Amino acid sequence: MGNKAENTKGKIRQQAYRLFAEKGFKAVTMTDICEKTGLSRGGLYRYYSGTEQIFSEILSEEYVIADRIEKKESAKSILEDMLGEIRAEIMEKELSLSLAIYEYANLGNEAFFAAINDKAKKRWTSLLNYGMETKEFKSVDAGQVADMVLYYYQGLRMWSRVISFDEQVAEHYVKTVKEMVLAE
């Protein structure tokens, strides 16, 4: 697929993300996405067969760190960038996909979520191991810390749908992760 097609797909996912965050998974239709993106039904179906395909691509997008590790960037810098994105997500209640994820999971997509979780854990474990190799991070059990980082974050995202968090909650998450892993 060419750059124009990839850009269009990216714009579709970006607008669909907002709809899924607002309405949940079950309530979003391809017509809703057409209206939000300005595409015709044929234009939208050229790229996606349905809302499930769009949603699964949104959930499959990930923060890429392998290239940064390969370039020998600072583990601390990579961590700071990841935590910055997480902080912003925690504070953006309107952009939480928690309800949509719950609905989608209940449609029998457990294996899909297990795969996403596995990728996220591998990404965090990779960063933690890299940080320990560069001596920027403390010596920790990378798998155990990766689980804690992921599930703490996921819990905050889920609860952000029903509880308004102040900035301090996001800062506590960031501070906790840094205290667990950063070397003195």
C-alpha atoms as a PDB file:
ATOM      1  CA  MET A   1       0.000   0.000   0.000  1.00  0.00           C
ATOM      2  CA  GLY A   2       1.296   3.453  -0.862  1.00  0.00           C
ATOM      3  CA  ASN A   3       1.858   6.415   1.419  1.00  0.00           C
ATOM      4  CA  LYS A   4      -1.451   8.040   0.496  1.00  0.00           C
ATOM      5  CA  ALA A   5      -3.363   4.874   1.389  1.00  0.00           C
ATOM      6  CA  GLU A   6      -1.445   4.490   4.661  1.00  0.00           C
ATOM      7  CA  ASN A   7      -2.142   8.140   5.514  1.00  0.00           C
ATOM      8  CA  THR A   8      -5.846   7.655   4.801  1.00  0.00           C
ATOM      9  CA  LYS A   9      -5.947   4.523   6.955  1.00  0.00           C
ATOM     10  CA  GLY A  10      -4.197   6.425   9.728  1.00  0.00           C
ATOM     11  CA  LYS A  11      -6.787   9.203   9.562  1.00  0.00           C
ATOM     12  CA  ILE A  12      -9.596   6.643   9.621  1.00  0.00           C
ATOM     13  CA  ARG A  13      -8.119   4.981  12.716  1.00  0.00           C
ATOM     14  CA  GLN A  14      -7.619   8.347  14.415  1.00  0.00           C
ATOM     15  CA  GLN A  15     -11.248   9.408  13.905  1.00  0.00           C
ATOM     16  CA  ALA A  16     -12.593   5.932  14.700  1.00  0.00           C
ATOM     17  CA  TYR A  17     -10.553   5.927  17.924  1.00  0.00           C
ATOM     18  CA  ARG A  18     -12.453   8.996  19.097  1.00  0.00           C
ATOM     19  CA  LEU A  19     -15.781   7.384  18.240  1.00  0.00           C
ATOM     20  CA  PHE A  20     -14.909   4.146  20.048  1.00  0.00           C
ATOM     21  CA  ALA A  21     -13.742   6.107  23.089  1.00  0.00           C
ATOM     22  CA  GLU A  22     -16.959   8.122  23.122  1.00  0.00           C
ATOM     23  CA  LYS A  23     -19.528   5.423  22.303  1.00  0.00           C
ATOM     24  CA  GLY A  24     -17.890   2.089  23.048  1.00  0.00           C
ATOM     25  CA  PHE A  25     -17.308  -0.634  20.474  1.00  0.00           C
ATOM     26  CA  LYS A  26     -20.838  -1.936  19.919  1.00  0.00           C
ATOM     27  CA  ALA A  27     -22.457   1.433  19.209  1.00  0.00           C
ATOM     28  CA  VAL A  28     -20.049   2.549  16.468  1.00  0.00           C
ATOM     29  CA  THR A  29     -21.089   1.826  12.896  1.00  0.00           C
ATOM     30  CA  MET A  30     -19.292   2.190   9.601  1.00  0.00           C
ATOM     31  CA  THR A  31     -21.781   4.999   8.838  1.00  0.00           C
ATOM     32  CA  ASP A  32     -20.571   6.838  11.965  1.00  0.00           C
ATOM     33  CA  ILE A  33     -16.999   6.483  10.759  1.00  0.00           C
ATOM     34  CA  CYS A  34     -17.944   7.707   7.273  1.00  0.00           C
ATOM     35  CA  GLU A  35     -19.566  10.797   8.783  1.00  0.00           C
ATOM     36  CA  LYS A  36     -16.584  11.468  11.056  1.00  0.00           C
ATOM     37  CA  THR A  37     -13.977  11.001   8.311  1.00  0.00           C
ATOM     38  CA  GLY A  38     -15.920  12.512   5.400  1.00  0.00           C
ATOM     39  CA  LEU A  39     -15.359   9.348   3.354  1.00  0.00           C
ATOM     40  CA  SER A  40     -18.056   7.673   1.308  1.00  0.00           C
ATOM     41  CA  ARG A  41     -19.065   4.151   2.279  1.00  0.00           C
ATOM     42  CA  GLY A  42     -17.180   2.823  -0.755  1.00  0.00           C
ATOM     43  CA  GLY A  43     -14.146   4.883   0.200  1.00  0.00           C
ATOM     44  CA  LEU A  44     -14.161   3.507   3.729  1.00  0.00           C
ATOM     45  CA  TYR A  45     -14.754  -0.089   2.626  1.00  0.00           C
ATOM     46  CA  ARG A  46     -11.793   0.220   0.253  1.00  0.00           C
ATOM     47  CA  TYR A  47      -9.603   0.211   3.372  1.00  0.00           C
ATOM     48  CA  TYR A  48     -11.606  -1.678   5.998  1.00  0.00           C
ATOM     49  CA  SER A  49     -14.199  -4.443   5.945  1.00  0.00           C
ATOM     50  CA  GLY A  50     -15.861  -3.356   9.179  1.00  0.00           C
ATOM     51  CA  THR A  51     -15.557  -1.757  12.588  1.00  0.00           C
ATOM     52  CA  GLU A  52     -13.934  -4.878  14.045  1.00  0.00           C
ATOM     53  CA  GLN A  53     -11.021  -4.633  11.618  1.00  0.00           C
ATOM     54  CA  ILE A  54     -10.532  -0.932  12.385  1.00  0.00           C
ATOM     55  CA  PHE A  55     -10.725  -1.492  16.128  1.00  0.00           C
ATOM     56  CA  SER A  56      -8.294  -4.399  16.068  1.00  0.00           C
ATOM     57  CA  GLU A  57      -5.790  -2.278  14.110  1.00  0.00           C
ATOM     58  CA  ILE A  58      -6.164   0.550  16.623  1.00  0.00           C
ATOM     59  CA  LEU A  59      -5.471  -1.837  19.479  1.00  0.00           C
ATOM     60  CA  SER A  60      -2.551  -3.415  17.626  1.00  0.00           C
ATOM     61  CA  GLU A  61      -0.709  -0.115  17.231  1.00  0.00           C
ATOM     62  CA  GLU A  62       2.128   0.021  19.665  1.00  0.00           C
ATOM     63  CA  TYR A  63       4.810   2.284  20.927  1.00  0.00           C
ATOM     64  CA  VAL A  64       7.882   1.134  19.007  1.00  0.00           C
ATOM     65  CA  ILE A  65      11.108   1.024  20.989  1.00  0.00           C
ATOM     66  CA  ALA A  66      13.173  -1.635  19.190  1.00  0.00           C
ATOM     67  CA  ASP A  67      14.577   0.916  16.719  1.00  0.00           C
ATOM     68  CA  ARG A  68      15.530   3.244  19.541  1.00  0.00           C
ATOM     69  CA  ILE A  69      17.284   0.462  21.439  1.00  0.00           C
ATOM     70  CA  GLU A  70      19.094  -0.615  18.270  1.00  0.00           C
ATOM     71  CA  LYS A  71      20.301   2.988  17.823  1.00  0.00           C
ATOM     72  CA  LYS A  72      21.622   2.815  21.410  1.00  0.00           C
ATOM     73  CA  GLU A  73      19.464   5.695  22.639  1.00  0.00           C
ATOM     74  CA  SER A  74      19.412   6.240  26.362  1.00  0.00           C
ATOM     75  CA  ALA A  75      17.115   3.774  28.148  1.00  0.00           C
ATOM     76  CA  LYS A  76      16.145   6.582  30.505  1.00  0.00           C
ATOM     77  CA  SER A  77      15.139   8.777  27.545  1.00  0.00           C
ATOM     78  CA  ILE A  78      13.006   6.008  26.059  1.00  0.00           C
ATOM     79  CA  LEU A  79      11.369   5.431  29.453  1.00  0.00           C
ATOM     80  CA  GLU A  80      10.688   9.168  29.861  1.00  0.00           C
ATOM     81  CA  ASP A  81       8.989   9.305  26.451  1.00  0.00           C
ATOM     82  CA  MET A  82       6.862   6.228  27.160  1.00  0.00           C
ATOM     83  CA  LEU A  83       5.827   7.547  30.567  1.00  0.00           C
ATOM     84  CA  GLY A  84       4.997  10.928  29.044  1.00  0.00           C
ATOM     85  CA  GLU A  85       2.567   9.287  26.632  1.00  0.00           C
ATOM     86  CA  ILE A  86       1.078   7.187  29.418  1.00  0.00           C
ATOM     87  CA  ARG A  87       0.649  10.256  31.653  1.00  0.00           C
ATOM     88  CA  ALA A  88      -1.266  12.010  28.867  1.00  0.00           C
ATOM     89  CA  GLU A  89      -3.464   8.963  28.250  1.00  0.00           C
ATOM     90  CA  ILE A  90      -4.341   8.641  31.938  1.00  0.00           C
ATOM     91  CA  MET A  91      -5.473  12.262  32.022  1.00  0.00           C
ATOM     92  CA  GLU A  92      -7.539  12.055  28.791  1.00  0.00           C
ATOM     93  CA  LYS A  93     -10.762  10.515  30.114  1.00  0.00           C
ATOM     94  CA  GLU A  94     -12.566  11.254  26.846  1.00  0.00           C
ATOM     95  CA  LEU A  95     -10.019   9.213  24.913  1.00  0.00           C
ATOM     96  CA  SER A  96     -10.237   6.082  27.040  1.00  0.00           C
ATOM     97  CA  LEU A  97     -11.022   2.925  25.082  1.00  0.00           C
ATOM     98  CA  SER A  98     -11.796   1.000  28.275  1.00  0.00           C
ATOM     99  CA  LEU A  99     -15.507   0.527  27.576  1.00  0.00           C
ATOM    100  CA  ALA A 100     -14.885  -0.388  23.938  1.00  0.00           C
ATOM    101  CA  ILE A 101     -12.149  -2.850  24.929  1.00  0.00           C
ATOM    102  CA  TYR A 102     -14.437  -4.496  27.462  1.00  0.00           C
ATOM    103  CA  GLU A 103     -17.212  -4.836  24.864  1.00  0.00           C
ATOM    104  CA  TYR A 104     -14.828  -6.141  22.219  1.00  0.00           C
ATOM    105  CA  ALA A 105     -13.284  -8.675  24.603  1.00  0.00           C
ATOM    106  CA  ASN A 106     -16.733 -10.011  25.463  1.00  0.00           C
ATOM    107  CA  LEU A 107     -17.289 -10.880  21.813  1.00  0.00           C
ATOM    108  CA  GLY A 108     -14.828 -13.754  22.133  1.00  0.00           C
ATOM    109  CA  ASN A 109     -11.580 -11.933  21.387  1.00  0.00           C
ATOM    110  CA  GLU A 110      -9.606 -13.162  24.388  1.00  0.00           C
ATOM    111  CA  ALA A 111      -6.772 -14.587  22.256  1.00  0.00           C
ATOM    112  CA  PHE A 112      -6.393 -11.233  20.511  1.00  0.00           C
ATOM    113  CA  PHE A 113      -6.035  -9.425  23.853  1.00  0.00           C
ATOM    114  CA  ALA A 114      -3.628 -12.051  25.154  1.00  0.00           C
ATOM    115  CA  ALA A 115      -1.439 -11.419  22.088  1.00  0.00           C
ATOM    116  CA  ILE A 116      -1.553  -7.642  22.592  1.00  0.00           C
ATOM    117  CA  ASN A 117      -0.687  -8.046  26.260  1.00  0.00           C
ATOM    118  CA  ASP A 118       2.176 -10.386  25.358  1.00  0.00           C
ATOM    119  CA  LYS A 119       3.601  -7.818  22.901  1.00  0.00           C
ATOM    120  CA  ALA A 120       3.346  -5.046  25.490  1.00  0.00           C
ATOM    121  CA  LYS A 121       5.040  -7.186  28.123  1.00  0.00           C
ATOM    122  CA  LYS A 122       7.833  -8.065  25.697  1.00  0.00           C
ATOM    123  CA  ARG A 123       8.291  -4.371  24.842  1.00  0.00           C
ATOM    124  CA  TRP A 124       8.561  -3.413  28.520  1.00  0.00           C
ATOM    125  CA  THR A 125      10.796  -6.386  29.313  1.00  0.00           C
ATOM    126  CA  SER A 126      13.056  -5.453  26.412  1.00  0.00           C
ATOM    127  CA  LEU A 127      13.356  -1.878  27.665  1.00  0.00           C
ATOM    128  CA  LEU A 128      13.987  -2.993  31.240  1.00  0.00           C
ATOM    129  CA  ASN A 129      16.683  -5.471  30.176  1.00  0.00           C
ATOM    130  CA  TYR A 130      18.292  -2.826  27.961  1.00  0.00           C
ATOM    131  CA  GLY A 131      18.273  -0.311  30.812  1.00  0.00           C
ATOM    132  CA  MET A 132      19.901  -2.842  33.127  1.00  0.00           C
ATOM    133  CA  GLU A 133      22.570  -3.582  30.493  1.00  0.00           C
ATOM    134  CA  THR A 134      23.382   0.135  30.178  1.00  0.00           C
ATOM    135  CA  LYS A 135      23.340   0.450  33.987  1.00  0.00           C
ATOM    136  CA  GLU A 136      20.676   3.179  33.762  1.00  0.00           C
ATOM    137  CA  PHE A 137      18.157   0.918  35.512  1.00  0.00           C
ATOM    138  CA  LYS A 138      18.330  -1.026  38.747  1.00  0.00           C
ATOM    139  CA  SER A 139      18.655  -4.771  38.636  1.00  0.00           C
ATOM    140  CA  VAL A 140      15.039  -5.970  38.745  1.00  0.00           C
ATOM    141  CA  ASP A 141      12.975  -8.950  37.676  1.00  0.00           C
ATOM    142  CA  ALA A 142      12.026  -7.561  34.251  1.00  0.00           C
ATOM    143  CA  GLY A 143       8.962  -9.783  33.826  1.00  0.00           C
ATOM    144  CA  GLN A 144       7.588  -8.967  37.258  1.00  0.00           C
ATOM    145  CA  VAL A 145       8.103  -5.215  36.821  1.00  0.00           C
ATOM    146  CA  ALA A 146       6.643  -5.330  33.297  1.00  0.00           C
ATOM    147  CA  ASP A 147       3.478  -6.966  34.700  1.00  0.00           C
ATOM    148  CA  MET A 148       3.185  -4.340  37.425  1.00  0.00           C
ATOM    149  CA  VAL A 149       3.742  -1.436  35.018  1.00  0.00           C
ATOM    150  CA  LEU A 150       1.181  -2.769  32.530  1.00  0.00           C
ATOM    151  CA  TYR A 151      -1.550  -3.720  34.985  1.00  0.00           C
ATOM    152  CA  TYR A 152      -1.182  -0.574  37.065  1.00  0.00           C
ATOM    153  CA  TYR A 153      -1.547   1.475  33.881  1.00  0.00           C
ATOM    154  CA  GLN A 154      -4.460  -0.591  32.578  1.00  0.00           C
ATOM    155  CA  GLY A 155      -6.256  -0.262  35.905  1.00  0.00           C
ATOM    156  CA  LEU A 156      -5.849   3.511  35.838  1.00  0.00           C
ATOM    157  CA  ARG A 157      -7.153   3.662  32.273  1.00  0.00           C
ATOM    158  CA  MET A 158     -10.184   1.547  33.171  1.00  0.00           C
ATOM    159  CA  TRP A 159     -11.014   3.595  36.242  1.00  0.00           C
ATOM    160  CA  SER A 160     -10.475   6.878  34.392  1.00  0.00           C
ATOM    161  CA  ARG A 161     -13.793   6.182  32.625  1.00  0.00           C
ATOM    162  CA  VAL A 162     -15.692   6.435  35.912  1.00  0.00           C
ATOM    163  CA  ILE A 163     -13.485   8.535  38.197  1.00  0.00           C
ATOM    164  CA  SER A 164     -11.986  11.895  37.382  1.00  0.00           C
ATOM    165  CA  PHE A 165      -8.297  11.726  38.187  1.00  0.00           C
ATOM    166  CA  ASP A 166      -6.310  14.811  38.954  1.00  0.00           C
ATOM    167  CA  GLU A 167      -2.796  15.286  37.606  1.00  0.00           C
ATOM    168  CA  GLN A 168      -1.375  13.882  40.846  1.00  0.00           C
ATOM    169  CA  VAL A 169      -2.631  10.360  40.086  1.00  0.00           C
ATOM    170  CA  ALA A 170      -0.795  10.296  36.756  1.00  0.00           C
ATOM    171  CA  GLU A 171       2.289  11.719  38.431  1.00  0.00           C
ATOM    172  CA  HIS A 172       2.149   8.995  41.104  1.00  0.00           C
ATOM    173  CA  TYR A 173       2.187   6.351  38.365  1.00  0.00           C
ATOM    174  CA  VAL A 174       5.175   7.940  36.637  1.00  0.00           C
ATOM    175  CA  LYS A 175       7.037   8.443  39.922  1.00  0.00           C
ATOM    176  CA  THR A 176       6.380   4.850  41.031  1.00  0.00           C
ATOM    177  CA  VAL A 177       7.703   3.393  37.779  1.00  0.00           C
ATOM    178  CA  LYS A 178      10.793   5.602  37.879  1.00  0.00           C
ATOM    179  CA  GLU A 179      11.510   4.710  41.516  1.00  0.00           C
ATOM    180  CA  MET A 180      11.232   1.019  40.684  1.00  0.00           C
ATOM    181  CA  VAL A 181      13.621   1.038  37.760  1.00  0.00           C
ATOM    182  CA  LEU A 182      15.933   4.050  37.568  1.00  0.00           C
ATOM    183  CA  ALA A 183      19.395   3.615  39.035  1.00  0.00           C
ATOM    184  CA  GLU A 184      20.480   6.240  41.517  1.00  0.00           C
END
